[in-house]
């Protein structure tokens, strides 16, 4: 179980979760409240289920929404470029992964 503390609505990154904007955004669904566990949420690195301990109000006066939007778009562009590079690299290579055909005895 991971605990993410001090996240706010403008966050797309939490130290415990890394870049998981969908999961962080779901934490602000007050329909779940603090008594319920969320439905499974598909994130970047897996499927998450969250439980919110509490909500507090925050001062939103210092938030630059344009800067937040640009940072989010930049992170998404990097993610897309990385995944595109990986898919093109795999498509254009003749490497076959045969690791599943080999098994070594495991000593416990």
N, C-alpha and C. Protein backbone atom coordinates (compact mmCIF):
# COMPACT_ATOMS: atom_id res chain seq x y z
N UNK A 1 0.85 -1.17 0.00
CA UNK A 1 0.00 0.00 0.00
C UNK A 1 0.89 1.24 0.00
N UNK A 2 0.58 2.17 -0.86
CA UNK A 2 1.32 3.42 -0.96
C UNK A 2 0.47 4.55 -0.39
N UNK A 3 1.14 5.55 0.16
CA UNK A 3 0.43 6.72 0.68
C UNK A 3 0.95 7.96 -0.03
N UNK A 4 0.05 8.71 -0.63
CA UNK A 4 0.40 9.97 -1.28
C UNK A 4 -0.18 11.09 -0.43
N UNK A 5 0.70 11.94 0.07
CA UNK A 5 0.25 13.03 0.95
C UNK A 5 0.40 14.37 0.25
N UNK A 6 -0.49 15.27 0.60
CA UNK A 6 -0.40 16.64 0.14
C UNK A 6 -0.64 16.85 -1.34
N UNK A 7 -1.40 15.96 -1.98
CA UNK A 7 -1.70 16.20 -3.39
C UNK A 7 -2.79 17.25 -3.50
N UNK A 8 -2.77 17.97 -4.60
CA UNK A 8 -3.83 18.95 -4.83
C UNK A 8 -4.35 18.78 -6.25
N UNK A 9 -5.39 19.49 -6.54
CA UNK A 9 -6.09 19.31 -7.81
C UNK A 9 -5.21 19.64 -9.01
N UNK A 10 -4.21 20.46 -8.83
CA UNK A 10 -3.34 20.82 -9.95
C UNK A 10 -2.15 19.87 -10.09
N UNK A 11 -2.08 18.85 -9.26
CA UNK A 11 -0.98 17.89 -9.33
C UNK A 11 -1.23 16.86 -10.42
N UNK A 12 -0.17 16.46 -11.09
CA UNK A 12 -0.23 15.31 -11.99
C UNK A 12 0.80 14.28 -11.55
N UNK A 13 1.60 14.67 -10.56
CA UNK A 13 2.68 13.82 -10.06
C UNK A 13 2.59 13.78 -8.54
N UNK A 14 2.76 12.60 -7.99
CA UNK A 14 2.86 12.44 -6.53
C UNK A 14 4.04 11.52 -6.25
N UNK A 15 4.85 11.83 -5.25
CA UNK A 15 6.04 11.02 -4.99
C UNK A 15 5.75 9.52 -4.86
N UNK A 16 4.65 9.15 -4.28
CA UNK A 16 4.34 7.73 -4.11
C UNK A 16 3.84 7.08 -5.41
N UNK A 17 3.33 7.89 -6.33
CA UNK A 17 2.71 7.35 -7.55
C UNK A 17 3.46 7.66 -8.83
N UNK A 18 4.34 8.64 -8.82
CA UNK A 18 4.98 9.16 -10.02
C UNK A 18 3.95 9.88 -10.88
N UNK A 19 4.04 9.79 -12.20
CA UNK A 19 3.16 10.53 -13.09
C UNK A 19 1.89 9.72 -13.32
N UNK A 20 0.87 10.01 -12.55
CA UNK A 20 -0.42 9.32 -12.64
C UNK A 20 -1.56 10.34 -12.55
N UNK A 21 -1.72 11.19 -13.57
CA UNK A 21 -2.74 12.24 -13.48
C UNK A 21 -4.15 11.71 -13.36
N UNK A 22 -4.46 10.59 -13.99
CA UNK A 22 -5.81 10.03 -13.91
C UNK A 22 -6.12 9.57 -12.49
N UNK A 23 -5.16 8.95 -11.85
CA UNK A 23 -5.36 8.45 -10.49
C UNK A 23 -5.47 9.61 -9.51
N UNK A 24 -4.59 10.60 -9.66
CA UNK A 24 -4.64 11.76 -8.77
C UNK A 24 -5.94 12.52 -8.96
N UNK A 25 -6.38 12.67 -10.20
CA UNK A 25 -7.65 13.35 -10.45
C UNK A 25 -8.83 12.62 -9.84
N UNK A 26 -8.77 11.29 -9.86
CA UNK A 26 -9.86 10.48 -9.30
C UNK A 26 -9.95 10.66 -7.79
N UNK A 27 -8.86 11.02 -7.16
CA UNK A 27 -8.88 11.22 -5.70
C UNK A 27 -9.81 12.37 -5.31
N UNK A 28 -10.13 13.23 -6.25
CA UNK A 28 -10.99 14.38 -5.96
C UNK A 28 -12.45 14.12 -6.29
N UNK A 29 -12.80 12.88 -6.57
CA UNK A 29 -14.19 12.50 -6.80
C UNK A 29 -14.85 12.36 -5.42
N UNK A 30 -15.54 13.37 -5.01
CA UNK A 30 -16.12 13.37 -3.67
C UNK A 30 -17.29 12.40 -3.53
N UNK A 31 -17.74 11.79 -4.62
CA UNK A 31 -18.79 10.78 -4.53
C UNK A 31 -18.30 9.57 -3.73
N UNK A 32 -17.00 9.30 -3.80
CA UNK A 32 -16.45 8.20 -3.00
C UNK A 32 -16.28 8.62 -1.55
N UNK A 33 -16.07 9.89 -1.33
CA UNK A 33 -15.90 10.38 0.03
C UNK A 33 -14.69 9.76 0.71
N UNK A 34 -14.71 9.76 2.03
CA UNK A 34 -13.60 9.18 2.77
C UNK A 34 -13.96 7.82 3.35
N UNK A 35 -15.17 7.37 3.13
CA UNK A 35 -15.60 6.09 3.69
C UNK A 35 -15.50 4.94 2.69
N UNK A 36 -15.32 5.26 1.41
CA UNK A 36 -15.35 4.22 0.37
C UNK A 36 -13.98 4.06 -0.30
N UNK A 37 -13.81 2.91 -0.90
CA UNK A 37 -12.65 2.63 -1.74
C UNK A 37 -13.11 2.82 -3.18
N UNK A 38 -12.23 3.38 -4.01
CA UNK A 38 -12.61 3.66 -5.40
C UNK A 38 -12.77 2.39 -6.21
N UNK A 39 -13.39 2.54 -7.33
CA UNK A 39 -13.39 1.48 -8.34
C UNK A 39 -11.98 1.42 -8.93
N UNK A 40 -11.59 0.35 -9.59
CA UNK A 40 -10.26 0.30 -10.21
C UNK A 40 -10.08 1.42 -11.23
N UNK A 41 -8.90 2.05 -11.20
CA UNK A 41 -8.58 3.17 -12.07
C UNK A 41 -7.36 2.78 -12.90
N UNK A 42 -7.48 2.85 -14.22
CA UNK A 42 -6.35 2.52 -15.08
C UNK A 42 -5.38 3.69 -15.11
N UNK A 43 -4.15 3.45 -14.70
CA UNK A 43 -3.12 4.47 -14.69
C UNK A 43 -2.06 4.18 -15.73
N UNK A 44 -0.97 4.95 -15.70
CA UNK A 44 0.14 4.76 -16.64
C UNK A 44 0.92 3.48 -16.33
N UNK A 45 1.10 3.17 -15.05
CA UNK A 45 1.95 2.05 -14.65
C UNK A 45 1.17 0.87 -14.09
N UNK A 46 -0.15 0.91 -14.17
CA UNK A 46 -0.94 -0.20 -13.65
C UNK A 46 -2.35 0.23 -13.35
N UNK A 47 -3.03 -0.61 -12.61
CA UNK A 47 -4.40 -0.34 -12.19
C UNK A 47 -4.37 -0.04 -10.69
N UNK A 48 -5.03 1.02 -10.29
CA UNK A 48 -4.98 1.49 -8.92
C UNK A 48 -6.36 1.49 -8.29
N UNK A 49 -6.40 1.29 -7.00
CA UNK A 49 -7.59 1.46 -6.19
C UNK A 49 -7.18 2.40 -5.07
N UNK A 50 -7.96 3.45 -4.85
CA UNK A 50 -7.56 4.46 -3.86
C UNK A 50 -8.60 4.61 -2.76
N UNK A 51 -8.13 5.09 -1.64
CA UNK A 51 -8.98 5.44 -0.51
C UNK A 51 -8.50 6.79 -0.01
N UNK A 52 -9.37 7.77 0.01
CA UNK A 52 -9.02 9.12 0.46
C UNK A 52 -9.26 9.21 1.96
N UNK A 53 -8.23 9.65 2.68
CA UNK A 53 -8.36 9.78 4.13
C UNK A 53 -9.10 11.05 4.52
N UNK A 54 -8.80 12.17 3.86
CA UNK A 54 -9.52 13.41 4.17
C UNK A 54 -9.31 14.43 3.06
N UNK A 55 -10.18 15.40 3.04
CA UNK A 55 -10.10 16.53 2.12
C UNK A 55 -9.89 17.79 2.95
N UNK A 56 -9.05 18.68 2.46
CA UNK A 56 -8.89 19.99 3.09
C UNK A 56 -8.97 21.05 2.01
N UNK A 57 -9.42 22.22 2.38
CA UNK A 57 -9.47 23.31 1.41
C UNK A 57 -8.08 23.91 1.27
N UNK A 58 -7.81 24.45 0.11
CA UNK A 58 -6.50 25.02 -0.16
C UNK A 58 -6.66 26.41 -0.75
N UNK A 59 -5.64 27.22 -0.58
CA UNK A 59 -5.61 28.55 -1.17
C UNK A 59 -5.14 28.41 -2.61
N UNK A 60 -6.00 28.71 -3.57
CA UNK A 60 -5.69 28.54 -4.98
C UNK A 60 -5.24 29.82 -5.66
N UNK A 61 -4.91 30.83 -4.90
CA UNK A 61 -4.57 32.13 -5.47
C UNK A 61 -3.24 32.12 -6.23
N UNK A 62 -2.28 31.31 -5.82
CA UNK A 62 -0.96 31.35 -6.44
C UNK A 62 -0.77 30.37 -7.59
N UNK A 63 -1.82 29.73 -8.05
CA UNK A 63 -1.68 28.73 -9.10
C UNK A 63 -1.73 29.38 -10.47
N UNK A 64 -0.74 29.09 -11.29
CA UNK A 64 -0.71 29.57 -12.67
C UNK A 64 -1.21 28.43 -13.56
N UNK A 65 -2.46 28.51 -13.97
CA UNK A 65 -3.09 27.43 -14.72
C UNK A 65 -2.46 27.23 -16.10
N UNK A 66 -1.99 28.31 -16.72
CA UNK A 66 -1.32 28.16 -18.01
C UNK A 66 -0.02 27.36 -17.85
N UNK A 67 0.72 27.64 -16.80
CA UNK A 67 1.95 26.91 -16.54
C UNK A 67 1.66 25.44 -16.24
N UNK A 68 0.62 25.19 -15.46
CA UNK A 68 0.23 23.81 -15.16
C UNK A 68 -0.15 23.06 -16.43
N UNK A 69 -0.90 23.72 -17.30
CA UNK A 69 -1.32 23.10 -18.56
C UNK A 69 -0.13 22.80 -19.45
N UNK A 70 0.81 23.73 -19.55
CA UNK A 70 1.99 23.52 -20.37
C UNK A 70 2.85 22.38 -19.82
N UNK A 71 3.00 22.30 -18.50
CA UNK A 71 3.78 21.23 -17.89
C UNK A 71 3.13 19.88 -18.15
N UNK A 72 1.82 19.82 -18.04
CA UNK A 72 1.09 18.57 -18.29
C UNK A 72 1.23 18.15 -19.76
N UNK A 73 1.06 19.09 -20.68
CA UNK A 73 1.20 18.78 -22.09
C UNK A 73 2.62 18.33 -22.42
N UNK A 74 3.62 18.96 -21.82
CA UNK A 74 5.01 18.56 -22.05
C UNK A 74 5.28 17.15 -21.57
N UNK A 75 4.73 16.80 -20.41
CA UNK A 75 4.91 15.45 -19.87
C UNK A 75 4.23 14.42 -20.77
N UNK A 76 3.05 14.75 -21.27
CA UNK A 76 2.35 13.83 -22.18
C UNK A 76 3.10 13.68 -23.51
N UNK A 77 3.66 14.77 -24.01
CA UNK A 77 4.42 14.68 -25.25
C UNK A 77 5.64 13.78 -25.08
N UNK A 78 6.32 13.91 -23.95
CA UNK A 78 7.48 13.05 -23.69
C UNK A 78 7.05 11.59 -23.61
N UNK A 79 5.95 11.33 -22.96
CA UNK A 79 5.45 9.96 -22.83
C UNK A 79 5.10 9.38 -24.19
N UNK A 80 4.42 10.15 -25.03
CA UNK A 80 4.05 9.68 -26.36
C UNK A 80 5.30 9.43 -27.21
N UNK A 81 6.26 10.33 -27.15
CA UNK A 81 7.49 10.16 -27.92
C UNK A 81 8.24 8.91 -27.48
N UNK A 82 8.30 8.68 -26.20
CA UNK A 82 8.99 7.49 -25.68
C UNK A 82 8.28 6.22 -26.14
N UNK A 83 6.97 6.18 -26.03
CA UNK A 83 6.23 4.99 -26.43
C UNK A 83 6.29 4.79 -27.95
N UNK A 84 6.25 5.86 -28.71
CA UNK A 84 6.36 5.77 -30.16
C UNK A 84 7.72 5.23 -30.56
N UNK A 85 8.77 5.73 -29.93
CA UNK A 85 10.12 5.25 -30.20
C UNK A 85 10.23 3.76 -29.91
N UNK A 86 9.68 3.33 -28.77
CA UNK A 86 9.73 1.91 -28.41
C UNK A 86 8.98 1.05 -29.42
N UNK A 87 7.81 1.50 -29.86
CA UNK A 87 7.03 0.70 -30.81
C UNK A 87 7.71 0.64 -32.17
N UNK A 88 8.28 1.74 -32.64
CA UNK A 88 8.99 1.75 -33.92
C UNK A 88 10.24 0.89 -33.82
N UNK A 89 10.94 0.98 -32.71
CA UNK A 89 12.14 0.17 -32.52
C UNK A 89 11.81 -1.32 -32.54
N UNK A 90 10.74 -1.71 -31.88
CA UNK A 90 10.34 -3.12 -31.87
C UNK A 90 9.87 -3.57 -33.25
N UNK A 91 9.13 -2.71 -33.94
CA UNK A 91 8.59 -3.06 -35.25
C UNK A 91 9.71 -3.24 -36.28
N UNK A 92 10.73 -2.41 -36.21
CA UNK A 92 11.80 -2.44 -37.20
C UNK A 92 12.96 -3.37 -36.84
N UNK A 93 12.89 -4.03 -35.72
CA UNK A 93 13.97 -4.94 -35.34
C UNK A 93 13.57 -6.37 -35.63
N UNK A 94 14.56 -7.20 -35.77
CA UNK A 94 14.32 -8.61 -36.02
C UNK A 94 14.62 -9.43 -34.77
N UNK A 95 14.61 -8.82 -33.65
CA UNK A 95 14.91 -9.50 -32.40
C UNK A 95 13.68 -10.26 -31.93
N UNK A 96 13.87 -11.51 -31.58
CA UNK A 96 12.77 -12.32 -31.06
C UNK A 96 13.07 -12.66 -29.60
N UNK A 97 12.08 -12.53 -28.79
CA UNK A 97 12.22 -12.81 -27.36
C UNK A 97 11.85 -14.26 -27.10
N UNK A 98 12.85 -15.10 -26.88
CA UNK A 98 12.64 -16.52 -26.64
C UNK A 98 12.88 -16.90 -25.18
N UNK A 99 12.88 -15.93 -24.30
CA UNK A 99 13.17 -16.22 -22.90
C UNK A 99 12.19 -17.20 -22.29
N UNK A 100 10.96 -17.19 -22.73
CA UNK A 100 9.94 -18.07 -22.15
C UNK A 100 10.22 -19.54 -22.46
N UNK A 101 11.02 -19.81 -23.48
CA UNK A 101 11.32 -21.20 -23.85
C UNK A 101 12.40 -21.82 -22.96
N UNK A 102 13.11 -20.99 -22.23
CA UNK A 102 14.17 -21.48 -21.37
C UNK A 102 13.76 -21.33 -19.92
N UNK A 103 13.97 -22.37 -19.18
CA UNK A 103 13.70 -22.27 -17.75
C UNK A 103 14.84 -22.94 -17.00
N UNK A 104 15.24 -22.33 -15.96
CA UNK A 104 16.33 -22.87 -15.14
C UNK A 104 15.73 -23.35 -13.83
N UNK A 105 16.28 -24.41 -13.26
CA UNK A 105 15.77 -24.85 -11.97
C UNK A 105 16.00 -23.79 -10.91
N UNK A 106 15.04 -23.67 -10.04
CA UNK A 106 15.13 -22.67 -8.97
C UNK A 106 15.36 -23.39 -7.65
N UNK A 107 16.42 -23.04 -6.98
CA UNK A 107 16.72 -23.58 -5.66
C UNK A 107 16.18 -22.63 -4.61
N UNK A 108 15.37 -23.15 -3.76
CA UNK A 108 14.83 -22.33 -2.67
C UNK A 108 15.45 -22.69 -1.36
